[in-house]
């Protein structure tokens, strides 16, 4: 059942990779403050969260919101998994 849920999330993210997304909960480790990230595509949001720790951000509490209200948000682990699995395909239009 968990695999089916992962497949459904992957399918939804790939289909909506160009849609608007919002990232919350990213902390800049230098200033110790939450970073405000403007409108960004879902694919780029996944890329950012998956790679942000090497850029000096704490994303342990990060969440990516996308789609219609009620759509499950993506957590850091989800983004890392999606980026590892699909990589650049998430950035294509």
PDB file of N, CA and C in Angstrom:
ATOM      1  N   UNK A   1       0.821  -1.203   0.000  1.00  0.00           N
ATOM      2  CA  UNK A   1       0.000   0.000   0.000  1.00  0.00           C
ATOM      3  C   UNK A   1       0.859   1.259   0.000  1.00  0.00           C
ATOM      4  N   UNK A   2       1.953   1.261   0.760  1.00  0.00           N
ATOM      5  CA  UNK A   2       2.833   2.416   0.804  1.00  0.00           C
ATOM      6  C   UNK A   2       3.445   2.683  -0.570  1.00  0.00           C
ATOM      7  N   UNK A   3       3.815   1.629  -1.299  1.00  0.00           N
ATOM      8  CA  UNK A   3       4.371   1.786  -2.634  1.00  0.00           C
ATOM      9  C   UNK A   3       3.358   2.444  -3.569  1.00  0.00           C
ATOM     10  N   UNK A   4       2.100   2.057  -3.466  1.00  0.00           N
ATOM     11  CA  UNK A   4       1.051   2.655  -4.294  1.00  0.00           C
ATOM     12  C   UNK A   4       0.902   4.140  -3.979  1.00  0.00           C
ATOM     13  N   UNK A   5       0.998   4.501  -2.723  1.00  0.00           N
ATOM     14  CA  UNK A   5       0.911   5.903  -2.326  1.00  0.00           C
ATOM     15  C   UNK A   5       2.100   6.672  -2.889  1.00  0.00           C
ATOM     16  N   UNK A   6       3.309   6.114  -2.791  1.00  0.00           N
ATOM     17  CA  UNK A   6       4.495   6.748  -3.351  1.00  0.00           C
ATOM     18  C   UNK A   6       4.348   6.944  -4.853  1.00  0.00           C
ATOM     19  N   UNK A   7       3.812   5.934  -5.552  1.00  0.00           N
ATOM     20  CA  UNK A   7       3.600   6.041  -6.991  1.00  0.00           C
ATOM     21  C   UNK A   7       2.594   7.135  -7.320  1.00  0.00           C
ATOM     22  N   UNK A   8       1.548   7.257  -6.515  1.00  0.00           N
ATOM     23  CA  UNK A   8       0.535   8.288  -6.746  1.00  0.00           C
ATOM     24  C   UNK A   8       1.133   9.676  -6.547  1.00  0.00           C
ATOM     25  N   UNK A   9       1.946   9.843  -5.526  1.00  0.00           N
ATOM     26  CA  UNK A   9       2.595  11.131  -5.273  1.00  0.00           C
ATOM     27  C   UNK A   9       3.570  11.447  -6.406  1.00  0.00           C
ATOM     28  N   UNK A  10       4.372  10.483  -6.807  1.00  0.00           N
ATOM     29  CA  UNK A  10       5.328  10.688  -7.896  1.00  0.00           C
ATOM     30  C   UNK A  10       4.610  11.083  -9.173  1.00  0.00           C
ATOM     31  N   UNK A  11       3.531  10.404  -9.490  1.00  0.00           N
ATOM     32  CA  UNK A  11       2.759  10.701 -10.690  1.00  0.00           C
ATOM     33  C   UNK A  11       2.188  12.112 -10.624  1.00  0.00           C
ATOM     34  N   UNK A  12       1.644  12.490  -9.473  1.00  0.00           N
ATOM     35  CA  UNK A  12       1.059  13.820  -9.306  1.00  0.00           C
ATOM     36  C   UNK A  12       2.123  14.902  -9.421  1.00  0.00           C
ATOM     37  N   UNK A  13       3.291  14.675  -8.826  1.00  0.00           N
ATOM     38  CA  UNK A  13       4.361  15.672  -8.876  1.00  0.00           C
ATOM     39  C   UNK A  13       4.897  15.807 -10.298  1.00  0.00           C
ATOM     40  N   UNK A  14       5.104  14.693 -10.980  1.00  0.00           N
ATOM     41  CA  UNK A  14       5.582  14.773 -12.358  1.00  0.00           C
ATOM     42  C   UNK A  14       4.575  15.498 -13.257  1.00  0.00           C
ATOM     43  N   UNK A  15       3.308  15.204 -13.077  1.00  0.00           N
ATOM     44  CA  UNK A  15       2.273  15.845 -13.890  1.00  0.00           C
ATOM     45  C   UNK A  15       2.177  17.340 -13.598  1.00  0.00           C
ATOM     46  N   UNK A  16       2.392  17.723 -12.353  1.00  0.00           N
ATOM     47  CA  UNK A  16       2.246  19.119 -11.952  1.00  0.00           C
ATOM     48  C   UNK A  16       3.552  19.849 -11.754  1.00  0.00           C
ATOM     49  N   UNK A  17       4.649  19.321 -12.286  1.00  0.00           N
ATOM     50  CA  UNK A  17       5.986  19.891 -12.015  1.00  0.00           C
ATOM     51  C   UNK A  17       6.132  21.355 -12.403  1.00  0.00           C
ATOM     52  N   UNK A  18       5.311  21.848 -13.320  1.00  0.00           N
ATOM     53  CA  UNK A  18       5.379  23.249 -13.725  1.00  0.00           C
ATOM     54  C   UNK A  18       4.431  24.144 -12.954  1.00  0.00           C
ATOM     55  N   UNK A  19       3.589  23.541 -12.118  1.00  0.00           N
ATOM     56  CA  UNK A  19       2.599  24.306 -11.349  1.00  0.00           C
ATOM     57  C   UNK A  19       3.277  25.094 -10.237  1.00  0.00           C
ATOM     58  N   UNK A  20       2.601  26.116  -9.760  1.00  0.00           N
ATOM     59  CA  UNK A  20       3.130  26.929  -8.664  1.00  0.00           C
ATOM     60  C   UNK A  20       3.203  26.124  -7.375  1.00  0.00           C
ATOM     61  N   UNK A  21       4.242  26.390  -6.626  1.00  0.00           N
ATOM     62  CA  UNK A  21       4.426  25.745  -5.329  1.00  0.00           C
ATOM     63  C   UNK A  21       4.945  26.780  -4.345  1.00  0.00           C
ATOM     64  N   UNK A  22       4.812  26.451  -3.082  1.00  0.00           N
ATOM     65  CA  UNK A  22       5.290  27.319  -2.008  1.00  0.00           C
ATOM     66  C   UNK A  22       6.106  26.469  -1.046  1.00  0.00           C
ATOM     67  N   UNK A  23       7.256  26.982  -0.648  1.00  0.00           N
ATOM     68  CA  UNK A  23       8.114  26.279   0.302  1.00  0.00           C
ATOM     69  C   UNK A  23       8.090  27.041   1.617  1.00  0.00           C
ATOM     70  N   UNK A  24       7.857  26.322   2.697  1.00  0.00           N
ATOM     71  CA  UNK A  24       7.896  26.915   4.039  1.00  0.00           C
ATOM     72  C   UNK A  24       8.809  26.081   4.924  1.00  0.00           C
ATOM     73  N   UNK A  25       9.351  26.727   5.932  1.00  0.00           N
ATOM     74  CA  UNK A  25      10.142  26.005   6.927  1.00  0.00           C
ATOM     75  C   UNK A  25      11.612  25.853   6.593  1.00  0.00           C
ATOM     76  N   UNK A  26      12.133  26.671   5.670  1.00  0.00           N
ATOM     77  CA  UNK A  26      13.550  26.636   5.329  1.00  0.00           C
ATOM     78  C   UNK A  26      14.268  27.677   6.192  1.00  0.00           C
ATOM     79  N   UNK A  27      15.300  27.249   6.887  1.00  0.00           N
ATOM     80  CA  UNK A  27      16.057  28.122   7.785  1.00  0.00           C
ATOM     81  C   UNK A  27      17.450  28.359   7.210  1.00  0.00           C
ATOM     82  N   UNK A  28      17.838  29.630   7.103  1.00  0.00           N
ATOM     83  CA  UNK A  28      19.189  30.006   6.699  1.00  0.00           C
ATOM     84  C   UNK A  28      20.084  29.809   7.920  1.00  0.00           C
ATOM     85  N   UNK A  29      21.070  28.936   7.816  1.00  0.00           N
ATOM     86  CA  UNK A  29      21.917  28.620   8.964  1.00  0.00           C
ATOM     87  C   UNK A  29      22.830  29.778   9.358  1.00  0.00           C
ATOM     88  N   UNK A  30      23.101  30.694   8.446  1.00  0.00           N
ATOM     89  CA  UNK A  30      23.951  31.836   8.754  1.00  0.00           C
ATOM     90  C   UNK A  30      23.205  32.852   9.615  1.00  0.00           C
ATOM     91  N   UNK A  31      22.003  33.206   9.181  1.00  0.00           N
ATOM     92  CA  UNK A  31      21.237  34.228   9.901  1.00  0.00           C
ATOM     93  C   UNK A  31      20.278  33.634  10.931  1.00  0.00           C
ATOM     94  N   UNK A  32      20.105  32.327  10.905  1.00  0.00           N
ATOM     95  CA  UNK A  32      19.187  31.626  11.830  1.00  0.00           C
ATOM     96  C   UNK A  32      17.745  32.118  11.688  1.00  0.00           C
ATOM     97  N   UNK A  33      17.381  32.507  10.479  1.00  0.00           N
ATOM     98  CA  UNK A  33      16.015  32.986  10.251  1.00  0.00           C
ATOM     99  C   UNK A  33      15.379  32.217   9.098  1.00  0.00           C
ATOM    100  N   UNK A  34      14.047  32.209   9.105  1.00  0.00           N
ATOM    101  CA  UNK A  34      13.329  31.518   8.040  1.00  0.00           C
ATOM    102  C   UNK A  34      13.465  32.296   6.737  1.00  0.00           C
ATOM    103  N   UNK A  35      13.700  31.571   5.672  1.00  0.00           N
ATOM    104  CA  UNK A  35      13.877  32.155   4.348  1.00  0.00           C
ATOM    105  C   UNK A  35      12.514  32.249   3.670  1.00  0.00           C
ATOM    106  N   UNK A  36      12.236  33.410   3.102  1.00  0.00           N
ATOM    107  CA  UNK A  36      11.004  33.598   2.342  1.00  0.00           C
ATOM    108  C   UNK A  36      11.314  33.326   0.874  1.00  0.00           C
ATOM    109  N   UNK A  37      10.723  32.288   0.335  1.00  0.00           N
ATOM    110  CA  UNK A  37      10.942  31.916  -1.061  1.00  0.00           C
ATOM    111  C   UNK A  37       9.681  32.274  -1.827  1.00  0.00           C
ATOM    112  N   UNK A  38       9.855  33.050  -2.872  1.00  0.00           N
ATOM    113  CA  UNK A  38       8.717  33.489  -3.680  1.00  0.00           C
ATOM    114  C   UNK A  38       8.130  32.353  -4.499  1.00  0.00           C
ATOM    115  N   UNK A  39       7.217  32.705  -5.396  1.00  0.00           N
ATOM    116  CA  UNK A  39       6.577  31.714  -6.257  1.00  0.00           C
ATOM    117  C   UNK A  39       7.642  30.948  -7.041  1.00  0.00           C
ATOM    118  N   UNK A  40       7.486  29.650  -7.069  1.00  0.00           N
ATOM    119  CA  UNK A  40       8.457  28.766  -7.697  1.00  0.00           C
ATOM    120  C   UNK A  40       7.688  27.572  -8.256  1.00  0.00           C
ATOM    121  N   UNK A  41       8.196  26.988  -9.323  1.00  0.00           N
ATOM    122  CA  UNK A  41       7.520  25.813  -9.870  1.00  0.00           C
ATOM    123  C   UNK A  41       7.729  24.624  -8.933  1.00  0.00           C
ATOM    124  N   UNK A  42       6.840  23.674  -9.003  1.00  0.00           N
ATOM    125  CA  UNK A  42       6.921  22.498  -8.148  1.00  0.00           C
ATOM    126  C   UNK A  42       8.234  21.748  -8.374  1.00  0.00           C
ATOM    127  N   UNK A  43       8.636  21.579  -9.626  1.00  0.00           N
ATOM    128  CA  UNK A  43       9.889  20.879  -9.919  1.00  0.00           C
ATOM    129  C   UNK A  43      11.096  21.571  -9.306  1.00  0.00           C
ATOM    130  N   UNK A  44      11.125  22.890  -9.404  1.00  0.00           N
ATOM    131  CA  UNK A  44      12.241  23.650  -8.819  1.00  0.00           C
ATOM    132  C   UNK A  44      12.180  23.628  -7.289  1.00  0.00           C
ATOM    133  N   UNK A  45      10.980  23.599  -6.737  1.00  0.00           N
ATOM    134  CA  UNK A  45      10.834  23.510  -5.283  1.00  0.00           C
ATOM    135  C   UNK A  45      11.398  22.187  -4.776  1.00  0.00           C
ATOM    136  N   UNK A  46      11.095  21.100  -5.479  1.00  0.00           N
ATOM    137  CA  UNK A  46      11.618  19.790  -5.104  1.00  0.00           C
ATOM    138  C   UNK A  46      13.143  19.808  -5.199  1.00  0.00           C
ATOM    139  N   UNK A  47      13.676  20.359  -6.281  1.00  0.00           N
ATOM    140  CA  UNK A  47      15.123  20.452  -6.456  1.00  0.00           C
ATOM    141  C   UNK A  47      15.763  21.255  -5.325  1.00  0.00           C
ATOM    142  N   UNK A  48      15.183  22.398  -5.004  1.00  0.00           N
ATOM    143  CA  UNK A  48      15.750  23.252  -3.963  1.00  0.00           C
ATOM    144  C   UNK A  48      15.787  22.527  -2.619  1.00  0.00           C
ATOM    145  N   UNK A  49      14.667  21.968  -2.206  1.00  0.00           N
ATOM    146  CA  UNK A  49      14.609  21.309  -0.896  1.00  0.00           C
ATOM    147  C   UNK A  49      15.547  20.103  -0.857  1.00  0.00           C
ATOM    148  N   UNK A  50      15.620  19.359  -1.951  1.00  0.00           N
ATOM    149  CA  UNK A  50      16.485  18.170  -1.983  1.00  0.00           C
ATOM    150  C   UNK A  50      17.961  18.538  -1.855  1.00  0.00           C
ATOM    151  N   UNK A  51      18.341  19.732  -2.313  1.00  0.00           N
ATOM    152  CA  UNK A  51      19.752  20.118  -2.335  1.00  0.00           C
ATOM    153  C   UNK A  51      20.110  21.262  -1.395  1.00  0.00           C
ATOM    154  N   UNK A  52      19.160  21.790  -0.668  1.00  0.00           N
ATOM    155  CA  UNK A  52      19.370  22.994   0.135  1.00  0.00           C
ATOM    156  C   UNK A  52      20.369  22.820   1.273  1.00  0.00           C
ATOM    157  N   UNK A  53      20.489  21.643   1.819  1.00  0.00           N
ATOM    158  CA  UNK A  53      21.391  21.467   2.955  1.00  0.00           C
ATOM    159  C   UNK A  53      22.838  21.736   2.575  1.00  0.00           C
ATOM    160  N   UNK A  54      23.241  21.461   1.343  1.00  0.00           N
ATOM    161  CA  UNK A  54      24.612  21.736   0.928  1.00  0.00           C
ATOM    162  C   UNK A  54      24.817  23.217   0.631  1.00  0.00           C
ATOM    163  N   UNK A  55      23.724  23.981   0.550  1.00  0.00           N
ATOM    164  CA  UNK A  55      23.799  25.415   0.296  1.00  0.00           C
ATOM    165  C   UNK A  55      23.716  26.236   1.579  1.00  0.00           C
ATOM    166  N   UNK A  56      23.675  25.565   2.724  1.00  0.00           N
ATOM    167  CA  UNK A  56      23.660  26.276   3.997  1.00  0.00           C
ATOM    168  C   UNK A  56      22.283  26.521   4.572  1.00  0.00           C
ATOM    169  N   UNK A  57      21.325  25.677   4.210  1.00  0.00           N
ATOM    170  CA  UNK A  57      19.971  25.803   4.733  1.00  0.00           C
ATOM    171  C   UNK A  57      19.597  24.564   5.535  1.00  0.00           C
ATOM    172  N   UNK A  58      18.807  24.771   6.561  1.00  0.00           N
ATOM    173  CA  UNK A  58      18.239  23.674   7.339  1.00  0.00           C
ATOM    174  C   UNK A  58      16.833  23.438   6.797  1.00  0.00           C
ATOM    175  N   UNK A  59      16.610  22.280   6.216  1.00  0.00           N
ATOM    176  CA  UNK A  59      15.307  21.973   5.630  1.00  0.00           C
ATOM    177  C   UNK A  59      14.612  20.817   6.346  1.00  0.00           C
ATOM    178  N   UNK A  60      15.075  20.509   7.558  1.00  0.00           N
ATOM    179  CA  UNK A  60      14.447  19.405   8.300  1.00  0.00           C
ATOM    180  C   UNK A  60      12.958  19.623   8.515  1.00  0.00           C
ATOM    181  N   UNK A  61      12.534  20.863   8.636  1.00  0.00           N
ATOM    182  CA  UNK A  61      11.123  21.164   8.849  1.00  0.00           C
ATOM    183  C   UNK A  61      10.431  21.713   7.610  1.00  0.00           C
ATOM    184  N   UNK A  62      11.099  21.635   6.467  1.00  0.00           N
ATOM    185  CA  UNK A  62      10.545  22.220   5.243  1.00  0.00           C
ATOM    186  C   UNK A  62       9.350  21.425   4.721  1.00  0.00           C
ATOM    187  N   UNK A  63       8.430  22.168   4.127  1.00  0.00           N
ATOM    188  CA  UNK A  63       7.263  21.567   3.481  1.00  0.00           C
ATOM    189  C   UNK A  63       7.026  22.291   2.166  1.00  0.00           C
ATOM    190  N   UNK A  64       6.670  21.525   1.138  1.00  0.00           N
ATOM    191  CA  UNK A  64       6.335  22.087  -0.169  1.00  0.00           C
ATOM    192  C   UNK A  64       4.835  21.918  -0.357  1.00  0.00           C
ATOM    193  N   UNK A  65       4.151  23.028  -0.549  1.00  0.00           N
ATOM    194  CA  UNK A  65       2.708  23.025  -0.779  1.00  0.00           C
ATOM    195  C   UNK A  65       2.442  23.275  -2.248  1.00  0.00           C
ATOM    196  N   UNK A  66       1.535  22.504  -2.834  1.00  0.00           N
ATOM    197  CA  UNK A  66       1.204  22.643  -4.244  1.00  0.00           C
ATOM    198  C   UNK A  66      -0.205  22.105  -4.482  1.00  0.00           C
ATOM    199  N   UNK A  67      -0.724  22.394  -5.648  1.00  0.00           N
ATOM    200  CA  UNK A  67      -2.015  21.840  -6.035  1.00  0.00           C
ATOM    201  C   UNK A  67      -3.185  22.445  -5.288  1.00  0.00           C
ATOM    202  N   UNK A  68      -4.297  21.760  -5.400  1.00  0.00           N
ATOM    203  CA  UNK A  68      -5.534  22.183  -4.765  1.00  0.00           C
ATOM    204  C   UNK A  68      -5.437  22.032  -3.247  1.00  0.00           C
ATOM    205  N   UNK A  69      -6.204  22.837  -2.519  1.00  0.00           N
ATOM    206  CA  UNK A  69      -6.231  22.655  -1.059  1.00  0.00           C
ATOM    207  C   UNK A  69      -6.583  21.200  -0.719  1.00  0.00           C
ATOM    208  N   UNK A  70      -5.875  20.667   0.219  1.00  0.00           N
ATOM    209  CA  UNK A  70      -6.079  19.273   0.608  1.00  0.00           C
ATOM    210  C   UNK A  70      -5.067  18.320  -0.011  1.00  0.00           C
ATOM    211  N   UNK A  71      -4.313  18.794  -1.012  1.00  0.00           N
ATOM    212  CA  UNK A  71      -3.259  17.972  -1.597  1.00  0.00           C
ATOM    213  C   UNK A  71      -2.170  17.794  -0.549  1.00  0.00           C
ATOM    214  N   UNK A  72      -1.732  16.564  -0.323  1.00  0.00           N
ATOM    215  CA  UNK A  72      -0.684  16.367   0.685  1.00  0.00           C
ATOM    216  C   UNK A  72       0.574  17.161   0.342  1.00  0.00           C
ATOM    217  N   UNK A  73       1.179  17.768   1.345  1.00  0.00           N
ATOM    218  CA  UNK A  73       2.418  18.508   1.127  1.00  0.00           C
ATOM    219  C   UNK A  73       3.582  17.524   1.034  1.00  0.00           C
ATOM    220  N   UNK A  74       4.685  18.009   0.499  1.00  0.00           N
ATOM    221  CA  UNK A  74       5.895  17.202   0.402  1.00  0.00           C
ATOM    222  C   UNK A  74       6.847  17.604   1.516  1.00  0.00           C
ATOM    223  N   UNK A  75       7.435  16.635   2.156  1.00  0.00           N
ATOM    224  CA  UNK A  75       8.434  16.880   3.191  1.00  0.00           C
ATOM    225  C   UNK A  75       9.817  16.726   2.575  1.00  0.00           C
ATOM    226  N   UNK A  76      10.841  17.007   3.325  1.00  0.00           N
ATOM    227  CA  UNK A  76      12.213  16.937   2.831  1.00  0.00           C
ATOM    228  C   UNK A  76      12.532  15.561   2.264  1.00  0.00           C
ATOM    229  N   UNK A  77      12.185  14.529   2.985  1.00  0.00           N
ATOM    230  CA  UNK A  77      12.461  13.156   2.532  1.00  0.00           C
ATOM    231  C   UNK A  77      11.778  12.869   1.197  1.00  0.00           C
ATOM    232  N   UNK A  78      10.538  13.365   1.029  1.00  0.00           N
ATOM    233  CA  UNK A  78       9.827  13.178  -0.240  1.00  0.00           C
ATOM    234  C   UNK A  78      10.588  13.848  -1.379  1.00  0.00           C
ATOM    235  N   UNK A  79      11.046  15.080  -1.133  1.00  0.00           N
ATOM    236  CA  UNK A  79      11.774  15.834  -2.152  1.00  0.00           C
ATOM    237  C   UNK A  79      13.085  15.147  -2.513  1.00  0.00           C
ATOM    238  N   UNK A  80      13.798  14.667  -1.509  1.00  0.00           N
ATOM    239  CA  UNK A  80      15.058  13.963  -1.767  1.00  0.00           C
ATOM    240  C   UNK A  80      14.821  12.716  -2.605  1.00  0.00           C
ATOM    241  N   UNK A  81      13.771  11.977  -2.279  1.00  0.00           N
ATOM    242  CA  UNK A  81      13.427  10.759  -3.022  1.00  0.00           C
ATOM    243  C   UNK A  81      13.034  11.094  -4.464  1.00  0.00           C
ATOM    244  N   UNK A  82      12.172  12.097  -4.634  1.00  0.00           N
ATOM    245  CA  UNK A  82      11.729  12.488  -5.974  1.00  0.00           C
ATOM    246  C   UNK A  82      12.893  12.989  -6.819  1.00  0.00           C
ATOM    247  N   UNK A  83      13.775  13.798  -6.236  1.00  0.00           N
ATOM    248  CA  UNK A  83      14.910  14.333  -6.979  1.00  0.00           C
ATOM    249  C   UNK A  83      15.863  13.205  -7.372  1.00  0.00           C
ATOM    250  N   UNK A  84      16.111  12.273  -6.463  1.00  0.00           N
ATOM    251  CA  UNK A  84      16.997  11.143  -6.773  1.00  0.00           C
ATOM    252  C   UNK A  84      16.400  10.266  -7.875  1.00  0.00           C
ATOM    253  N   UNK A  85      15.098  10.121  -7.866  1.00  0.00           N
ATOM    254  CA  UNK A  85      14.443   9.234  -8.832  1.00  0.00           C
ATOM    255  C   UNK A  85      14.257   9.892 -10.201  1.00  0.00           C
ATOM    256  N   UNK A  86      13.879  11.177 -10.222  1.00  0.00           N
ATOM    257  CA  UNK A  86      13.503  11.817 -11.483  1.00  0.00           C
ATOM    258  C   UNK A  86      14.429  12.946 -11.911  1.00  0.00           C
ATOM    259  N   UNK A  87      15.174  13.534 -10.992  1.00  0.00           N
ATOM    260  CA  UNK A  87      16.151  14.571 -11.314  1.00  0.00           C
ATOM    261  C   UNK A  87      15.654  15.618 -12.288  1.00  0.00           C
ATOM    262  N   UNK A  88      16.411  15.829 -13.353  1.00  0.00           N
ATOM    263  CA  UNK A  88      16.139  16.868 -14.336  1.00  0.00           C
ATOM    264  C   UNK A  88      14.763  16.793 -14.991  1.00  0.00           C
ATOM    265  N   UNK A  89      14.129  15.629 -14.991  1.00  0.00           N
ATOM    266  CA  UNK A  89      12.788  15.507 -15.576  1.00  0.00           C
ATOM    267  C   UNK A  89      11.802  16.407 -14.833  1.00  0.00           C
ATOM    268  N   UNK A  90      12.059  16.695 -13.570  1.00  0.00           N
ATOM    269  CA  UNK A  90      11.179  17.578 -12.803  1.00  0.00           C
ATOM    270  C   UNK A  90      11.284  19.026 -13.240  1.00  0.00           C
ATOM    271  N   UNK A  91      12.363  19.370 -13.940  1.00  0.00           N
ATOM    272  CA  UNK A  91      12.571  20.750 -14.362  1.00  0.00           C
ATOM    273  C   UNK A  91      12.092  21.004 -15.791  1.00  0.00           C
ATOM    274  N   UNK A  92      11.757  19.943 -16.501  1.00  0.00           N
ATOM    275  CA  UNK A  92      11.297  20.101 -17.880  1.00  0.00           C
ATOM    276  C   UNK A  92       9.848  20.564 -17.906  1.00  0.00           C
ATOM    277  N   UNK A  93       9.527  21.414 -18.904  1.00  0.00           N
ATOM    278  CA  UNK A  93       8.141  21.916 -18.997  1.00  0.00           C
ATOM    279  C   UNK A  93       7.151  20.831 -19.379  1.00  0.00           C
TER     280      UNK A  93
END
